[in-house]
Amino acid sequence: MEEIREAALAYYEAGSEELKLLARRFFKSMDTNGDGTVSISEFSECLWQRGYIFIDSSFFKELDKDGDGSLDFEEVITFYYMLKTRTYCDECRAFLKVLYFTCVECFDHGPSYDLCTTCYCKRKFNHKHTVFMDNYVLLLTRRGGRSLLITDRDQTAEHTFRAIESLVNIGNTISSNQSFVDMDIGSSGETLADIGSTVGDIASIACSIM
């Protein structure tokens, strides 16, 4: 949450006057009694009036950084930033606060299909596509950047995508009695073992997928 707070304030400080005006208006719309802070009742009323049914009022405590029982301007700015940049899980409807998983096919062709870490890791979903990436890895692959899944000798975007695709489909491979280290990545005949120990470590801890 602290990183989100910092990002929210950074965007606000670097933003245009129009953006800052919108943020101030949002704060005033929540501060209905005009005392300069937002109480839990004002927060709950905002959620109800704006139709944010996917956000539980208990989220108030997470936003209340100093624990004084009310939200100041910076704490509300964090909430405003999250509303504009976050969505909800398409299965359990939980508000996706930080990391979440997105269907690659749906992301490319829309509409997006997103899952919280719990629904994804415990396979609590039924979807027509199988390849998912978390929001950070998805960003890296779309901008052609380097991630932990790329080795020095395998730096093409195609290889990166296939490596990730293999990792997120480990469950299907295990169920077919195929060895994890022998799983083909593509027509080149390379295996996950060839990617290196880094990927093996990631796979072993990635949400207990195996």
Protein backbone atom coordinates (compact mmCIF):
# COMPACT_ATOMS: atom_id res chain seq x y z
CA MET A 1 0.00 0.00 0.00
CA GLU A 2 2.88 2.37 0.75
CA GLU A 3 4.13 2.18 -2.84
CA ILE A 4 0.64 3.00 -4.06
CA ARG A 5 0.50 6.03 -1.76
CA GLU A 6 3.82 7.27 -3.11
CA ALA A 7 2.72 6.74 -6.70
CA ALA A 8 -0.57 8.56 -6.10
CA LEU A 9 1.15 11.59 -4.58
CA ALA A 10 3.81 11.58 -7.30
CA TYR A 11 1.14 11.68 -10.02
CA TYR A 12 -0.69 14.43 -8.18
CA GLU A 13 2.39 16.60 -7.70
CA ALA A 14 3.49 16.16 -11.32
CA GLY A 15 -0.02 16.45 -12.71
CA SER A 16 -1.65 19.31 -14.56
CA GLU A 17 -3.73 21.94 -12.82
CA GLU A 18 -6.80 20.32 -14.31
CA LEU A 19 -5.90 16.99 -12.71
CA LYS A 20 -5.26 18.63 -9.35
CA LEU A 21 -8.59 20.43 -9.58
CA LEU A 22 -10.40 17.14 -10.23
CA ALA A 23 -8.66 15.59 -7.21
CA ARG A 24 -9.61 18.51 -4.96
CA ARG A 25 -13.20 18.33 -6.15
CA PHE A 26 -13.26 14.63 -5.41
CA PHE A 27 -12.04 15.30 -1.88
CA LYS A 28 -14.65 18.00 -1.30
CA SER A 29 -17.40 15.73 -2.62
CA MET A 30 -16.47 13.19 0.07
CA ASP A 31 -15.98 15.75 2.84
CA THR A 32 -19.70 16.52 3.09
CA ASN A 33 -19.48 18.43 6.40
CA GLY A 34 -16.52 20.53 5.24
CA ASP A 35 -14.27 19.84 8.25
CA GLY A 36 -11.25 19.04 6.06
CA THR A 37 -11.30 15.28 6.66
CA VAL A 38 -13.36 12.30 5.53
CA SER A 39 -14.97 10.17 8.24
CA ILE A 40 -15.89 6.50 7.94
CA SER A 41 -19.55 7.46 7.50
CA GLU A 42 -18.69 9.91 4.71
CA PHE A 43 -16.50 7.27 3.08
CA SER A 44 -19.27 4.66 3.21
CA GLU A 45 -21.78 7.15 1.85
CA CYS A 46 -19.45 7.88 -1.06
CA LEU A 47 -19.14 4.18 -1.89
CA TRP A 48 -22.92 3.79 -1.86
CA GLN A 49 -23.71 6.91 -3.88
CA ARG A 50 -21.09 6.24 -6.55
CA GLY A 51 -21.95 2.56 -6.89
CA TYR A 52 -18.56 1.26 -5.75
CA ILE A 53 -20.13 -1.96 -4.52
CA PHE A 54 -16.92 -3.91 -5.11
CA ILE A 55 -15.13 -1.93 -2.39
CA ASP A 56 -15.72 -2.91 1.22
CA SER A 57 -15.94 -0.12 3.77
CA SER A 58 -13.18 -1.91 5.72
CA PHE A 59 -10.80 -0.55 3.08
CA PHE A 60 -11.06 2.71 5.03
CA LYS A 61 -8.60 1.38 7.62
CA GLU A 62 -6.02 0.61 4.94
CA LEU A 63 -6.28 4.12 3.57
CA ASP A 64 -6.06 5.67 7.05
CA LYS A 65 -2.26 5.65 7.22
CA ASP A 66 -1.92 7.49 10.54
CA GLY A 67 -4.81 5.61 12.13
CA ASP A 68 -6.60 8.71 13.40
CA GLY A 69 -10.02 7.50 12.27
CA SER A 70 -10.37 9.89 9.35
CA LEU A 71 -8.87 10.46 5.91
CA ASP A 72 -6.90 13.60 5.13
CA PHE A 73 -6.34 14.96 1.64
CA GLU A 74 -3.30 12.77 0.85
CA GLU A 75 -5.10 9.64 2.01
CA VAL A 76 -8.09 10.48 -0.16
CA ILE A 77 -5.75 11.13 -3.09
CA THR A 78 -4.53 7.54 -2.68
CA PHE A 79 -8.13 6.34 -2.87
CA TYR A 80 -8.80 8.54 -5.93
CA TYR A 81 -5.71 7.16 -7.68
CA MET A 82 -6.73 3.57 -7.00
CA LEU A 83 -10.25 4.15 -8.31
CA LYS A 84 -8.82 5.46 -11.56
CA THR A 85 -6.18 2.76 -12.02
CA ARG A 86 -7.63 -0.40 -10.44
CA THR A 87 -10.47 -2.76 -11.29
CA TYR A 88 -12.15 -5.73 -9.61
CA CYS A 89 -11.82 -9.51 -9.85
CA ASP A 90 -14.15 -10.91 -12.49
CA GLU A 91 -14.84 -13.95 -10.32
CA CYS A 92 -15.09 -12.96 -6.63
CA ARG A 93 -15.58 -9.22 -7.36
CA ALA A 94 -12.85 -8.25 -4.90
CA PHE A 95 -11.22 -4.86 -5.45
CA LEU A 96 -7.82 -5.43 -7.08
CA LYS A 97 -5.60 -3.21 -4.98
CA VAL A 98 -2.10 -4.26 -6.01
CA LEU A 99 -1.05 -7.29 -8.06
CA TYR A 100 -3.58 -9.18 -10.17
CA PHE A 101 -3.65 -11.52 -13.16
CA THR A 102 -5.02 -10.67 -16.61
CA CYS A 103 -6.05 -12.94 -19.48
CA VAL A 104 -3.62 -12.11 -22.28
CA GLU A 105 -6.08 -12.87 -25.08
CA CYS A 106 -8.81 -10.73 -23.53
CA PHE A 107 -6.35 -7.94 -22.83
CA ASP A 108 -5.36 -7.81 -26.49
CA HIS A 109 -8.85 -8.03 -27.91
CA GLY A 110 -11.11 -6.92 -25.05
CA PRO A 111 -12.97 -6.76 -22.84
CA SER A 112 -10.38 -7.45 -20.14
CA TYR A 113 -10.73 -10.42 -17.79
CA ASP A 114 -8.90 -9.94 -14.48
CA LEU A 115 -8.41 -12.14 -11.43
CA CYS A 116 -7.25 -11.56 -7.88
CA THR A 117 -4.27 -13.63 -6.74
CA THR A 118 -6.50 -15.92 -4.67
CA CYS A 119 -8.83 -16.84 -7.52
CA TYR A 120 -5.93 -17.32 -9.91
CA CYS A 121 -3.63 -19.33 -7.64
CA LYS A 122 -6.41 -21.59 -6.35
CA ARG A 123 -7.92 -21.91 -9.83
CA LYS A 124 -11.27 -20.55 -8.70
CA PHE A 125 -12.36 -19.52 -12.17
CA ASN A 126 -13.78 -20.90 -15.38
CA HIS A 127 -12.55 -19.06 -18.45
CA LYS A 128 -12.22 -19.93 -22.12
CA HIS A 129 -8.55 -18.84 -22.29
CA THR A 130 -5.63 -20.28 -20.32
CA VAL A 131 -2.73 -17.81 -20.58
CA PHE A 132 -2.59 -15.25 -17.79
CA MET A 133 0.09 -12.75 -16.75
CA ASP A 134 0.28 -10.53 -13.71
CA ASN A 135 0.00 -6.83 -14.42
CA TYR A 136 3.74 -6.21 -14.03
CA VAL A 137 4.89 -8.99 -16.37
CA LEU A 138 2.21 -8.03 -18.89
CA LEU A 139 3.55 -4.50 -18.98
CA LEU A 140 7.11 -5.72 -19.50
CA THR A 141 6.19 -8.01 -22.38
CA ARG A 142 4.11 -5.33 -24.09
CA ARG A 143 6.91 -2.76 -23.96
CA GLY A 144 9.58 -5.25 -25.04
CA GLY A 145 11.34 -4.94 -21.71
CA ARG A 146 13.48 -7.43 -19.84
CA SER A 147 12.06 -9.56 -17.07
CA LEU A 148 13.29 -12.36 -14.80
CA LEU A 149 12.00 -14.84 -17.34
CA ILE A 150 14.55 -13.80 -19.99
CA THR A 151 18.07 -15.22 -20.14
CA ASP A 152 21.10 -13.74 -21.86
CA ARG A 153 20.80 -16.09 -24.81
CA ASP A 154 17.00 -15.92 -25.13
CA GLN A 155 15.99 -12.29 -25.33
CA THR A 156 13.30 -12.24 -28.00
CA ALA A 157 9.75 -11.27 -27.12
CA GLU A 158 8.47 -14.54 -28.59
CA HIS A 159 10.62 -16.65 -26.30
CA THR A 160 9.60 -14.56 -23.30
CA PHE A 161 5.92 -15.04 -24.03
CA ARG A 162 6.32 -18.79 -24.49
CA ALA A 163 8.30 -19.12 -21.27
CA ILE A 164 5.58 -17.35 -19.30
CA GLU A 165 2.88 -19.31 -21.10
CA SER A 166 4.57 -22.53 -20.04
CA LEU A 167 4.84 -21.41 -16.41
CA VAL A 168 1.20 -20.45 -16.06
CA ASN A 169 0.10 -23.74 -17.60
CA ILE A 170 2.18 -25.97 -15.35
CA GLY A 171 -0.96 -27.38 -13.74
CA ASN A 172 -2.19 -28.73 -17.06
CA THR A 173 1.20 -30.31 -17.77
CA ILE A 174 1.40 -32.03 -14.39
CA SER A 175 -2.10 -33.43 -14.81
CA SER A 176 -1.02 -35.08 -18.07
CA ASN A 177 1.92 -36.79 -16.27
CA GLN A 178 4.50 -34.86 -18.29
CA SER A 179 7.68 -33.91 -16.45
CA PHE A 180 7.94 -30.23 -15.57
CA VAL A 181 11.57 -29.95 -16.69
CA ASP A 182 10.84 -31.69 -20.00
CA MET A 183 7.98 -29.39 -21.03
CA ASP A 184 8.48 -28.00 -24.54
CA ILE A 185 8.33 -24.24 -24.93
CA GLY A 186 7.98 -24.18 -28.68
CA SER A 187 9.01 -25.63 -31.99
CA SER A 188 12.66 -24.99 -31.20
CA GLY A 189 12.61 -28.00 -28.88
CA GLU A 190 13.98 -26.03 -25.94
CA THR A 191 12.77 -27.02 -22.48
CA LEU A 192 12.17 -25.10 -19.30
CA ALA A 193 15.34 -26.67 -17.94
CA ASP A 194 17.23 -24.75 -20.60
CA ILE A 195 15.87 -21.44 -19.39
CA GLY A 196 17.91 -21.74 -16.22
CA SER A 197 17.53 -22.04 -12.48
CA THR A 198 15.99 -18.59 -12.12
CA VAL A 199 12.81 -19.64 -13.85
CA GLY A 200 12.78 -22.86 -11.85
CA ASP A 201 12.90 -20.86 -8.63
CA ILE A 202 10.10 -18.59 -9.80
CA ALA A 203 7.94 -21.53 -10.79
CA SER A 204 8.43 -23.22 -7.43
CA ILE A 205 7.04 -20.28 -5.48
CA ALA A 206 4.58 -18.74 -7.93
CA CYS A 207 1.34 -19.11 -6.02
CA SER A 208 1.93 -22.84 -5.52
CA ILE A 209 0.76 -23.39 -9.08
CA MET A 210 2.33 -26.84 -9.13
